[in-house]
Amino acid sequence: HRRNRGSLGGRPPGFDREIYRRRNTFERCFNHLKG
């Protein structure tokens, strides 16, 4: 959708794979604790 809008589509959000992995690990641990 962003590509189709061209210059009006805005700048894509930054994405850091390492931060995402850490966040995933934290969320899984937290969900285990909620057990």
PDB file of all heavy atoms in Angstrom:
ATOM      1  N   HIS A   1       0.832  -1.200   0.000  1.00  0.00           N
ATOM      2  CA  HIS A   1       0.000   0.000   0.000  1.00  0.00           C
ATOM      3  C   HIS A   1       0.874   1.260   0.000  1.00  0.00           C
ATOM      4  O   HIS A   1       0.585   2.222  -0.710  1.00  0.00           O
ATOM      5  CB  HIS A   1      -0.929  -0.002   1.217  1.00  0.00           C
ATOM      6  CG  HIS A   1      -1.839   1.173   1.287  1.00  0.00           C
ATOM      7  ND1 HIS A   1      -2.862   1.361   0.399  1.00  0.00           N
ATOM      8  CD2 HIS A   1      -1.868   2.221   2.122  1.00  0.00           C
ATOM      9  CE1 HIS A   1      -3.493   2.486   0.687  1.00  0.00           C
ATOM     10  NE2 HIS A   1      -2.910   3.030   1.740  1.00  0.00           N
ATOM     11  N   ARG A   2       1.954   1.240   0.773  1.00  0.00           N
ATOM     12  CA  ARG A   2       2.857   2.388   0.820  1.00  0.00           C
ATOM     13  C   ARG A   2       3.516   2.625  -0.540  1.00  0.00           C
ATOM     14  O   ARG A   2       3.634   3.750  -1.011  1.00  0.00           O
ATOM     15  CB  ARG A   2       3.923   2.165   1.892  1.00  0.00           C
ATOM     16  CG  ARG A   2       4.968   3.272   1.914  1.00  0.00           C
ATOM     17  CD  ARG A   2       5.936   3.117   3.039  1.00  0.00           C
ATOM     18  NE  ARG A   2       5.326   3.757   4.194  1.00  0.00           N
ATOM     19  CZ  ARG A   2       4.989   3.164   5.331  1.00  0.00           C
ATOM     20  NH1 ARG A   2       5.225   1.967   5.512  1.00  0.00           N
ATOM     21  NH2 ARG A   2       4.418   3.789   6.306  1.00  0.00           N
ATOM     22  N   ARG A   3       3.928   1.536  -1.196  1.00  0.00           N
ATOM     23  CA  ARG A   3       4.525   1.645  -2.528  1.00  0.00           C
ATOM     24  C   ARG A   3       3.525   2.217  -3.529  1.00  0.00           C
ATOM     25  O   ARG A   3       3.866   3.048  -4.364  1.00  0.00           O
ATOM     26  CB  ARG A   3       4.997   0.282  -3.009  1.00  0.00           C
ATOM     27  CG  ARG A   3       6.473   0.055  -2.881  1.00  0.00           C
ATOM     28  CD  ARG A   3       6.930  -1.163  -3.647  1.00  0.00           C
ATOM     29  NE  ARG A   3       6.045  -2.310  -3.511  1.00  0.00           N
ATOM     30  CZ  ARG A   3       6.231  -3.317  -2.662  1.00  0.00           C
ATOM     31  NH1 ARG A   3       7.267  -3.329  -1.883  1.00  0.00           N
ATOM     32  NH2 ARG A   3       5.386  -4.315  -2.602  1.00  0.00           N
ATOM     33  N   ASN A   4       2.276   1.764  -3.462  1.00  0.00           N
ATOM     34  CA  ASN A   4       1.246   2.231  -4.385  1.00  0.00           C
ATOM     35  C   ASN A   4       0.967   3.723  -4.215  1.00  0.00           C
ATOM     36  O   ASN A   4       0.611   4.398  -5.164  1.00  0.00           O
ATOM     37  CB  ASN A   4      -0.055   1.443  -4.214  1.00  0.00           C
ATOM     38  CG  ASN A   4       0.077   0.013  -4.691  1.00  0.00           C
ATOM     39  OD1 ASN A   4       0.997  -0.318  -5.434  1.00  0.00           O
ATOM     40  ND2 ASN A   4      -0.827  -0.837  -4.263  1.00  0.00           N
ATOM     41  N   ARG A   5       1.106   4.236  -3.001  1.00  0.00           N
ATOM     42  CA  ARG A   5       0.837   5.648  -2.756  1.00  0.00           C
ATOM     43  C   ARG A   5       1.999   6.536  -3.186  1.00  0.00           C
ATOM     44  O   ARG A   5       1.860   7.751  -3.252  1.00  0.00           O
ATOM     45  CB  ARG A   5       0.545   5.880  -1.277  1.00  0.00           C
ATOM     46  CG  ARG A   5      -0.796   5.247  -0.884  1.00  0.00           C
ATOM     47  CD  ARG A   5      -1.259   5.709   0.423  1.00  0.00           C
ATOM     48  NE  ARG A   5      -1.466   7.161   0.374  1.00  0.00           N
ATOM     49  CZ  ARG A   5      -1.794   7.877   1.412  1.00  0.00           C
ATOM     50  NH1 ARG A   5      -1.958   7.320   2.574  1.00  0.00           N
ATOM     51  NH2 ARG A   5      -1.960   9.181   1.308  1.00  0.00           N
ATOM     52  N   GLY A   6       3.118   5.945  -3.463  1.00  0.00           N
ATOM     53  CA  GLY A   6       4.272   6.720  -3.938  1.00  0.00           C
ATOM     54  C   GLY A   6       4.806   7.651  -2.874  1.00  0.00           C
ATOM     55  O   GLY A   6       4.982   7.258  -1.714  1.00  0.00           O
ATOM     56  N   SER A   7       5.039   8.907  -3.224  1.00  0.00           N
ATOM     57  CA  SER A   7       5.626   9.862  -2.288  1.00  0.00           C
ATOM     58  C   SER A   7       4.661  10.202  -1.155  1.00  0.00           C
ATOM     59  O   SER A   7       5.083  10.671  -0.096  1.00  0.00           O
ATOM     60  CB  SER A   7       6.041  11.137  -3.011  1.00  0.00           C
ATOM     61  OG  SER A   7       4.902  11.762  -3.583  1.00  0.00           O
ATOM     62  N   LEU A   8       3.360   9.959  -1.342  1.00  0.00           N
ATOM     63  CA  LEU A   8       2.382  10.221  -0.278  1.00  0.00           C
ATOM     64  C   LEU A   8       2.335   9.086   0.745  1.00  0.00           C
ATOM     65  O   LEU A   8       1.677   9.207   1.769  1.00  0.00           O
ATOM     66  CB  LEU A   8       0.985  10.416  -0.881  1.00  0.00           C
ATOM     67  CG  LEU A   8       0.828  11.608  -1.818  1.00  0.00           C
ATOM     68  CD1 LEU A   8      -0.575  11.612  -2.396  1.00  0.00           C
ATOM     69  CD2 LEU A   8       1.101  12.896  -1.073  1.00  0.00           C
ATOM     70  N   GLY A   9       3.009   7.990   0.439  1.00  0.00           N
ATOM     71  CA  GLY A   9       2.974   6.823   1.326  1.00  0.00           C
ATOM     72  C   GLY A   9       3.763   7.002   2.602  1.00  0.00           C
ATOM     73  O   GLY A   9       3.604   6.244   3.545  1.00  0.00           O
ATOM     74  N   GLY A  10       4.621   7.999   2.655  1.00  0.00           N
ATOM     75  CA  GLY A  10       5.398   8.237   3.864  1.00  0.00           C
ATOM     76  C   GLY A  10       6.634   7.366   3.938  1.00  0.00           C
ATOM     77  O   GLY A  10       6.878   6.507   3.101  1.00  0.00           O
ATOM     78  N   ARG A  11       7.375   7.584   4.980  1.00  0.00           N
ATOM     79  CA  ARG A  11       8.619   6.849   5.183  1.00  0.00           C
ATOM     80  C   ARG A  11       8.313   5.578   5.957  1.00  0.00           C
ATOM     81  O   ARG A  11       7.579   5.595   6.941  1.00  0.00           O
ATOM     82  CB  ARG A  11       9.584   7.726   5.978  1.00  0.00           C
ATOM     83  CG  ARG A  11      10.943   7.126   6.192  1.00  0.00           C
ATOM     84  CD  ARG A  11      11.895   8.157   6.744  1.00  0.00           C
ATOM     85  NE  ARG A  11      11.331   8.911   7.844  1.00  0.00           N
ATOM     86  CZ  ARG A  11      11.663   8.748   9.117  1.00  0.00           C
ATOM     87  NH1 ARG A  11      12.564   7.868   9.448  1.00  0.00           N
ATOM     88  NH2 ARG A  11      11.106   9.478  10.045  1.00  0.00           N
ATOM     89  N   PRO A  12       8.854   4.435   5.545  1.00  0.00           N
ATOM     90  CA  PRO A  12       8.587   3.194   6.278  1.00  0.00           C
ATOM     91  C   PRO A  12       9.223   3.236   7.664  1.00  0.00           C
ATOM     92  O   PRO A  12      10.273   3.863   7.851  1.00  0.00           O
ATOM     93  CB  PRO A  12       9.229   2.113   5.420  1.00  0.00           C
ATOM     94  CG  PRO A  12      10.194   2.810   4.560  1.00  0.00           C
ATOM     95  CD  PRO A  12       9.708   4.224   4.395  1.00  0.00           C
ATOM     96  N   PRO A  13       8.583   2.608   8.643  1.00  0.00           N
ATOM     97  CA  PRO A  13       9.169   2.604   9.986  1.00  0.00           C
ATOM     98  C   PRO A  13      10.448   1.776  10.012  1.00  0.00           C
ATOM     99  O   PRO A  13      10.584   0.795   9.281  1.00  0.00           O
ATOM    100  CB  PRO A  13       8.080   1.951  10.849  1.00  0.00           C
ATOM    101  CG  PRO A  13       7.265   1.151   9.901  1.00  0.00           C
ATOM    102  CD  PRO A  13       7.336   1.856   8.583  1.00  0.00           C
ATOM    103  N   GLY A  14      11.375   2.186  10.851  1.00  0.00           N
ATOM    104  CA  GLY A  14      12.612   1.434  10.992  1.00  0.00           C
ATOM    105  C   GLY A  14      12.339   0.112  11.692  1.00  0.00           C
ATOM    106  O   GLY A  14      11.427  -0.011  12.501  1.00  0.00           O
ATOM    107  N   PHE A  15      13.116  -0.892  11.378  1.00  0.00           N
ATOM    108  CA  PHE A  15      12.930  -2.208  11.979  1.00  0.00           C
ATOM    109  C   PHE A  15      14.295  -2.785  12.290  1.00  0.00           C
ATOM    110  O   PHE A  15      15.152  -2.902  11.413  1.00  0.00           O
ATOM    111  CB  PHE A  15      12.161  -3.121  11.028  1.00  0.00           C
ATOM    112  CG  PHE A  15      12.105  -4.549  11.486  1.00  0.00           C
ATOM    113  CD1 PHE A  15      11.383  -4.884  12.622  1.00  0.00           C
ATOM    114  CD2 PHE A  15      12.778  -5.533  10.811  1.00  0.00           C
ATOM    115  CE1 PHE A  15      11.331  -6.198  13.054  1.00  0.00           C
ATOM    116  CE2 PHE A  15      12.734  -6.842  11.238  1.00  0.00           C
ATOM    117  CZ  PHE A  15      12.006  -7.177  12.356  1.00  0.00           C
ATOM    118  N   ASP A  16      14.508  -3.142  13.547  1.00  0.00           N
ATOM    119  CA  ASP A  16      15.769  -3.749  13.971  1.00  0.00           C
ATOM    120  C   ASP A  16      15.481  -5.196  14.369  1.00  0.00           C
ATOM    121  O   ASP A  16      14.756  -5.457  15.337  1.00  0.00           O
ATOM    122  CB  ASP A  16      16.347  -2.964  15.151  1.00  0.00           C
ATOM    123  CG  ASP A  16      17.718  -3.465  15.555  1.00  0.00           C
ATOM    124  OD1 ASP A  16      18.189  -4.484  14.996  1.00  0.00           O
ATOM    125  OD2 ASP A  16      18.328  -2.840  16.435  1.00  0.00           O
ATOM    126  N   ARG A  17      16.022  -6.129  13.623  1.00  0.00           N
ATOM    127  CA  ARG A  17      15.745  -7.553  13.843  1.00  0.00           C
ATOM    128  C   ARG A  17      16.214  -8.010  15.239  1.00  0.00           C
ATOM    129  O   ARG A  17      15.543  -8.805  15.898  1.00  0.00           O
ATOM    130  CB  ARG A  17      16.431  -8.377  12.753  1.00  0.00           C
ATOM    131  CG  ARG A  17      16.051  -9.826  12.755  1.00  0.00           C
ATOM    132  CD  ARG A  17      16.612 -10.542  11.546  1.00  0.00           C
ATOM    133  NE  ARG A  17      16.131 -10.003  10.297  1.00  0.00           N
ATOM    134  CZ  ARG A  17      14.980 -10.351   9.724  1.00  0.00           C
ATOM    135  NH1 ARG A  17      14.209 -11.234  10.308  1.00  0.00           N
ATOM    136  NH2 ARG A  17      14.620  -9.822   8.577  1.00  0.00           N
ATOM    137  N   GLU A  18      17.342  -7.497  15.705  1.00  0.00           N
ATOM    138  CA  GLU A  18      17.864  -7.912  17.015  1.00  0.00           C
ATOM    139  C   GLU A  18      16.948  -7.451  18.148  1.00  0.00           C
ATOM    140  O   GLU A  18      16.680  -8.206  19.081  1.00  0.00           O
ATOM    141  CB  GLU A  18      19.280  -7.360  17.213  1.00  0.00           C
ATOM    142  CG  GLU A  18      19.945  -7.837  18.478  1.00  0.00           C
ATOM    143  CD  GLU A  18      20.063  -9.356  18.576  1.00  0.00           C
ATOM    144  OE1 GLU A  18      20.242 -10.018  17.553  1.00  0.00           O
ATOM    145  OE2 GLU A  18      19.957  -9.870  19.708  1.00  0.00           O
ATOM    146  N   ILE A  19      16.452  -6.225  18.068  1.00  0.00           N
ATOM    147  CA  ILE A  19      15.511  -5.732  19.089  1.00  0.00           C
ATOM    148  C   ILE A  19      14.240  -6.568  19.067  1.00  0.00           C
ATOM    149  O   ILE A  19      13.675  -6.902  20.105  1.00  0.00           O
ATOM    150  CB  ILE A  19      15.211  -4.237  18.868  1.00  0.00           C
ATOM    151  CG1 ILE A  19      16.449  -3.406  19.171  1.00  0.00           C
ATOM    152  CG2 ILE A  19      14.043  -3.783  19.744  1.00  0.00           C
ATOM    153  CD1 ILE A  19      16.285  -1.934  18.856  1.00  0.00           C
ATOM    154  N   TYR A  20      13.782  -6.922  17.857  1.00  0.00           N
ATOM    155  CA  TYR A  20      12.576  -7.753  17.731  1.00  0.00           C
ATOM    156  C   TYR A  20      12.788  -9.111  18.378  1.00  0.00           C
ATOM    157  O   TYR A  20      11.914  -9.626  19.064  1.00  0.00           O
ATOM    158  CB  TYR A  20      12.211  -7.904  16.252  1.00  0.00           C
ATOM    159  CG  TYR A  20      10.931  -8.663  16.030  1.00  0.00           C
ATOM    160  CD1 TYR A  20       9.713  -8.125  16.411  1.00  0.00           C
ATOM    161  CD2 TYR A  20      10.936  -9.913  15.430  1.00  0.00           C
ATOM    162  CE1 TYR A  20       8.539  -8.811  16.205  1.00  0.00           C
ATOM    163  CE2 TYR A  20       9.764 -10.606  15.215  1.00  0.00           C
ATOM    164  CZ  TYR A  20       8.564 -10.051  15.598  1.00  0.00           C
ATOM    165  OH  TYR A  20       7.398 -10.736  15.401  1.00  0.00           O
ATOM    166  N   ARG A  21      13.964  -9.705  18.200  1.00  0.00           N
ATOM    167  CA  ARG A  21      14.254 -11.007  18.822  1.00  0.00           C
ATOM    168  C   ARG A  21      14.241 -10.900  20.348  1.00  0.00           C
ATOM    169  O   ARG A  21      13.715 -11.768  21.045  1.00  0.00           O
ATOM    170  CB  ARG A  21      15.604 -11.519  18.349  1.00  0.00           C
ATOM    171  CG  ARG A  21      15.561 -12.080  16.963  1.00  0.00           C
ATOM    172  CD  ARG A  21      16.889 -12.694  16.580  1.00  0.00           C
ATOM    173  NE  ARG A  21      16.777 -13.243  15.241  1.00  0.00           N
ATOM    174  CZ  ARG A  21      17.731 -13.222  14.345  1.00  0.00           C
ATOM    175  NH1 ARG A  21      18.899 -12.678  14.633  1.00  0.00           N
ATOM    176  NH2 ARG A  21      17.552 -13.743  13.160  1.00  0.00           N
ATOM    177  N   ARG A  22      14.851  -9.833  20.867  1.00  0.00           N
ATOM    178  CA  ARG A  22      14.863  -9.648  22.331  1.00  0.00           C
ATOM    179  C   ARG A  22      13.450  -9.452  22.862  1.00  0.00           C
ATOM    180  O   ARG A  22      13.096  -9.975  23.920  1.00  0.00           O
ATOM    181  CB  ARG A  22      15.726  -8.465  22.704  1.00  0.00           C
ATOM    182  CG  ARG A  22      17.196  -8.750  22.589  1.00  0.00           C
ATOM    183  CD  ARG A  22      18.000  -7.633  23.204  1.00  0.00           C
ATOM    184  NE  ARG A  22      19.152  -7.381  22.374  1.00  0.00           N
ATOM    185  CZ  ARG A  22      19.661  -6.213  22.136  1.00  0.00           C
ATOM    186  NH1 ARG A  22      19.132  -5.143  22.658  1.00  0.00           N
ATOM    187  NH2 ARG A  22      20.705  -6.077  21.369  1.00  0.00           N
ATOM    188  N   ARG A  23      12.653  -8.663  22.142  1.00  0.00           N
ATOM    189  CA  ARG A  23      11.271  -8.419  22.567  1.00  0.00           C
ATOM    190  C   ARG A  23      10.479  -9.728  22.577  1.00  0.00           C
ATOM    191  O   ARG A  23       9.713 -10.003  23.503  1.00  0.00           O
ATOM    192  CB  ARG A  23      10.613  -7.428  21.623  1.00  0.00           C
ATOM    193  CG  ARG A  23       9.173  -7.188  21.950  1.00  0.00           C
ATOM    194  CD  ARG A  23       8.554  -6.195  20.998  1.00  0.00           C
ATOM    195  NE  ARG A  23       7.173  -6.009  21.362  1.00  0.00           N
ATOM    196  CZ  ARG A  23       6.179  -6.053  20.517  1.00  0.00           C
ATOM    197  NH1 ARG A  23       6.397  -6.240  19.255  1.00  0.00           N
ATOM    198  NH2 ARG A  23       4.950  -5.879  20.927  1.00  0.00           N
ATOM    199  N   ASN A  24      10.677 -10.556  21.554  1.00  0.00           N
ATOM    200  CA  ASN A  24       9.994 -11.830  21.462  1.00  0.00           C
ATOM    201  C   ASN A  24      10.372 -12.725  22.643  1.00  0.00           C
ATOM    202  O   ASN A  24       9.509 -13.350  23.264  1.00  0.00           O
ATOM    203  CB  ASN A  24      10.347 -12.499  20.132  1.00  0.00           C
ATOM    204  CG  ASN A  24       9.556 -13.750  19.890  1.00  0.00           C
ATOM    205  OD1 ASN A  24       8.767 -14.169  20.708  1.00  0.00           O
ATOM    206  ND2 ASN A  24       9.784 -14.369  18.747  1.00  0.00           N
ATOM    207  N   THR A  25      11.652 -12.779  22.971  1.00  0.00           N
ATOM    208  CA  THR A  25      12.112 -13.580  24.106  1.00  0.00           C
ATOM    209  C   THR A  25      11.471 -13.105  25.405  1.00  0.00           C
ATOM    210  O   THR A  25      10.986 -13.912  26.208  1.00  0.00           O
ATOM    211  CB  THR A  25      13.646 -13.499  24.229  1.00  0.00           C
ATOM    212  OG1 THR A  25      14.221 -13.932  23.004  1.00  0.00           O
ATOM    213  CG2 THR A  25      14.155 -14.350  25.362  1.00  0.00           C
ATOM    214  N   PHE A  26      11.444 -11.795  25.606  1.00  0.00           N
ATOM    215  CA  PHE A  26      10.851 -11.230  26.815  1.00  0.00           C
ATOM    216  C   PHE A  26       9.359 -11.559  26.890  1.00  0.00           C
ATOM    217  O   PHE A  26       8.855 -11.965  27.944  1.00  0.00           O
ATOM    218  CB  PHE A  26      11.057  -9.717  26.855  1.00  0.00           C
ATOM    219  CG  PHE A  26      10.371  -9.056  28.001  1.00  0.00           C
ATOM    220  CD1 PHE A  26      10.947  -9.072  29.251  1.00  0.00           C
ATOM    221  CD2 PHE A  26       9.133  -8.455  27.832  1.00  0.00           C
ATOM    222  CE1 PHE A  26      10.306  -8.478  30.328  1.00  0.00           C
ATOM    223  CE2 PHE A  26       8.489  -7.872  28.898  1.00  0.00           C
ATOM    224  CZ  PHE A  26       9.072  -7.875  30.147  1.00  0.00           C
ATOM    225  N   GLU A  27       8.646 -11.395  25.793  1.00  0.00           N
ATOM    226  CA  GLU A  27       7.208 -11.658  25.796  1.00  0.00           C
ATOM    227  C   GLU A  27       6.903 -13.125  26.069  1.00  0.00           C
ATOM    228  O   GLU A  27       5.957 -13.446  26.795  1.00  0.00           O
ATOM    229  CB  GLU A  27       6.578 -11.227  24.474  1.00  0.00           C
ATOM    230  CG  GLU A  27       6.429  -9.731  24.366  1.00  0.00           C
ATOM    231  CD  GLU A  27       5.687  -9.314  23.118  1.00  0.00           C
ATOM    232  OE1 GLU A  27       5.288 -10.193  22.317  1.00  0.00           O
ATOM    233  OE2 GLU A  27       5.498  -8.110  22.937  1.00  0.00           O
ATOM    234  N   ARG A  28       7.687 -14.019  25.503  1.00  0.00           N
ATOM    235  CA  ARG A  28       7.470 -15.446  25.761  1.00  0.00           C
ATOM    236  C   ARG A  28       7.705 -15.781  27.230  1.00  0.00           C
ATOM    237  O   ARG A  28       6.944 -16.527  27.841  1.00  0.00           O
ATOM    238  CB  ARG A  28       8.397 -16.289  24.887  1.00  0.00           C
ATOM    239  CG  ARG A  28       7.959 -16.334  23.446  1.00  0.00           C
ATOM    240  CD  ARG A  28       9.015 -17.054  22.614  1.00  0.00           C
ATOM    241  NE  ARG A  28       8.662 -17.031  21.227  1.00  0.00           N
ATOM    242  CZ  ARG A  28       8.250 -18.108  20.557  1.00  0.00           C
ATOM    243  NH1 ARG A  28       8.139 -19.252  21.169  1.00  0.00           N
ATOM    244  NH2 ARG A  28       7.942 -18.015  19.286  1.00  0.00           N
ATOM    245  N   CYS A  29       8.772 -15.212  27.803  1.00  0.00           N
ATOM    246  CA  CYS A  29       9.056 -15.439  29.226  1.00  0.00           C
ATOM    247  C   CYS A  29       7.917 -14.906  30.090  1.00  0.00           C
ATOM    248  O   CYS A  29       7.463 -15.573  31.018  1.00  0.00           O
ATOM    249  CB  CYS A  29      10.372 -14.775  29.599  1.00  0.00           C
ATOM    250  SG  CYS A  29      10.774 -14.925  31.341  1.00  0.00           S
ATOM    251  N   PHE A  30       7.453 -13.714  29.765  1.00  0.00           N
ATOM    252  CA  PHE A  30       6.368 -13.111  30.541  1.00  0.00           C
ATOM    253  C   PHE A  30       5.105 -13.958  30.449  1.00  0.00           C
ATOM    254  O   PHE A  30       4.394 -14.148  31.441  1.00  0.00           O
ATOM    255  CB  PHE A  30       6.100 -11.692  30.039  1.00  0.00           C
ATOM    256  CG  PHE A  30       5.216 -10.900  30.935  1.00  0.00           C
ATOM    257  CD1 PHE A  30       5.686 -10.391  32.124  1.00  0.00           C
ATOM    258  CD2 PHE A  30       3.892 -10.679  30.593  1.00  0.00           C
ATOM    259  CE1 PHE A  30       4.866  -9.661  32.973  1.00  0.00           C
ATOM    260  CE2 PHE A  30       3.065  -9.955  31.422  1.00  0.00           C
ATOM    261  CZ  PHE A  30       3.551  -9.448  32.610  1.00  0.00           C
ATOM    262  N   ASN A  31       4.804 -14.499  29.280  1.00  0.00           N
ATOM    263  CA  ASN A  31       3.624 -15.346  29.123  1.00  0.00           C
ATOM    264  C   ASN A  31       3.768 -16.655  29.887  1.00  0.00           C
ATOM    265  O   ASN A  31       2.785 -17.178  30.410  1.00  0.00           O
ATOM    266  CB  ASN A  31       3.341 -15.606  27.643  1.00  0.00           C
ATOM    267  CG  ASN A  31       2.769 -14.388  26.968  1.00  0.00           C
ATOM    268  OD1 ASN A  31       2.096 -13.578  27.589  1.00  0.00           O
ATOM    269  ND2 ASN A  31       3.038 -14.248  25.686  1.00  0.00           N
ATOM    270  N   HIS A  32       4.981 -17.189  29.973  1.00  0.00           N
ATOM    271  CA  HIS A  32       5.202 -18.376  30.809  1.00  0.00           C
ATOM    272  C   HIS A  32       4.947 -18.038  32.280  1.00  0.00           C
ATOM    273  O   HIS A  32       4.357 -18.839  33.015  1.00  0.00           O
ATOM    274  CB  HIS A  32       6.621 -18.915  30.648  1.00  0.00           C
ATOM    275  CG  HIS A  32       6.831 -19.676  29.382  1.00  0.00           C
ATOM    276  ND1 HIS A  32       6.116 -20.796  29.042  1.00  0.00           N
ATOM    277  CD2 HIS A  32       7.694 -19.470  28.366  1.00  0.00           C
ATOM    278  CE1 HIS A  32       6.521 -21.249  27.885  1.00  0.00           C
ATOM    279  NE2 HIS A  32       7.485 -20.451  27.439  1.00  0.00           N
ATOM    280  N   LEU A  33       5.396 -16.873  32.702  1.00  0.00           N
ATOM    281  CA  LEU A  33       5.170 -16.465  34.095  1.00  0.00           C
ATOM    282  C   LEU A  33       3.677 -16.315  34.388  1.00  0.00           C
ATOM    283  O   LEU A  33       3.222 -16.620  35.484  1.00  0.00           O
ATOM    284  CB  LEU A  33       5.885 -15.151  34.395  1.00  0.00           C
ATOM    285  CG  LEU A  33       7.385 -15.223  34.597  1.00  0.00           C
ATOM    286  CD1 LEU A  33       7.962 -13.825  34.727  1.00  0.00           C
ATOM    287  CD2 LEU A  33       7.713 -16.051  35.822  1.00  0.00           C
ATOM    288  N   LYS A  34       2.915 -15.849  33.412  1.00  0.00           N
ATOM    289  CA  LYS A  34       1.481 -15.678  33.620  1.00  0.00           C
ATOM    290  C   LYS A  34       0.754 -17.011  33.766  1.00  0.00           C
ATOM    291  O   LYS A  34      -0.399 -17.053  34.165  1.00  0.00           O
ATOM    292  CB  LYS A  34       0.865 -14.868  32.478  1.00  0.00           C
ATOM    293  CG  LYS A  34       1.260 -13.414  32.560  1.00  0.00           C
ATOM    294  CD  LYS A  34       0.530 -12.472  31.654  1.00  0.00           C
ATOM    295  CE  LYS A  34      -0.074 -12.981  30.417  1.00  0.00           C
ATOM    296  NZ  LYS A  34      -0.618 -11.958  29.533  1.00  0.00           N
ATOM    297  N   GLY A  35       1.460 -18.116  33.466  1.00  0.00           N
ATOM    298  CA  GLY A  35       0.884 -19.440  33.691  1.00  0.00           C
ATOM    299  C   GLY A  35       0.736 -19.749  35.174  1.00  0.00           C
ATOM    300  O   GLY A  35      -0.037 -20.638  35.558  1.00  0.00           O
TER     301      GLY A  35
END
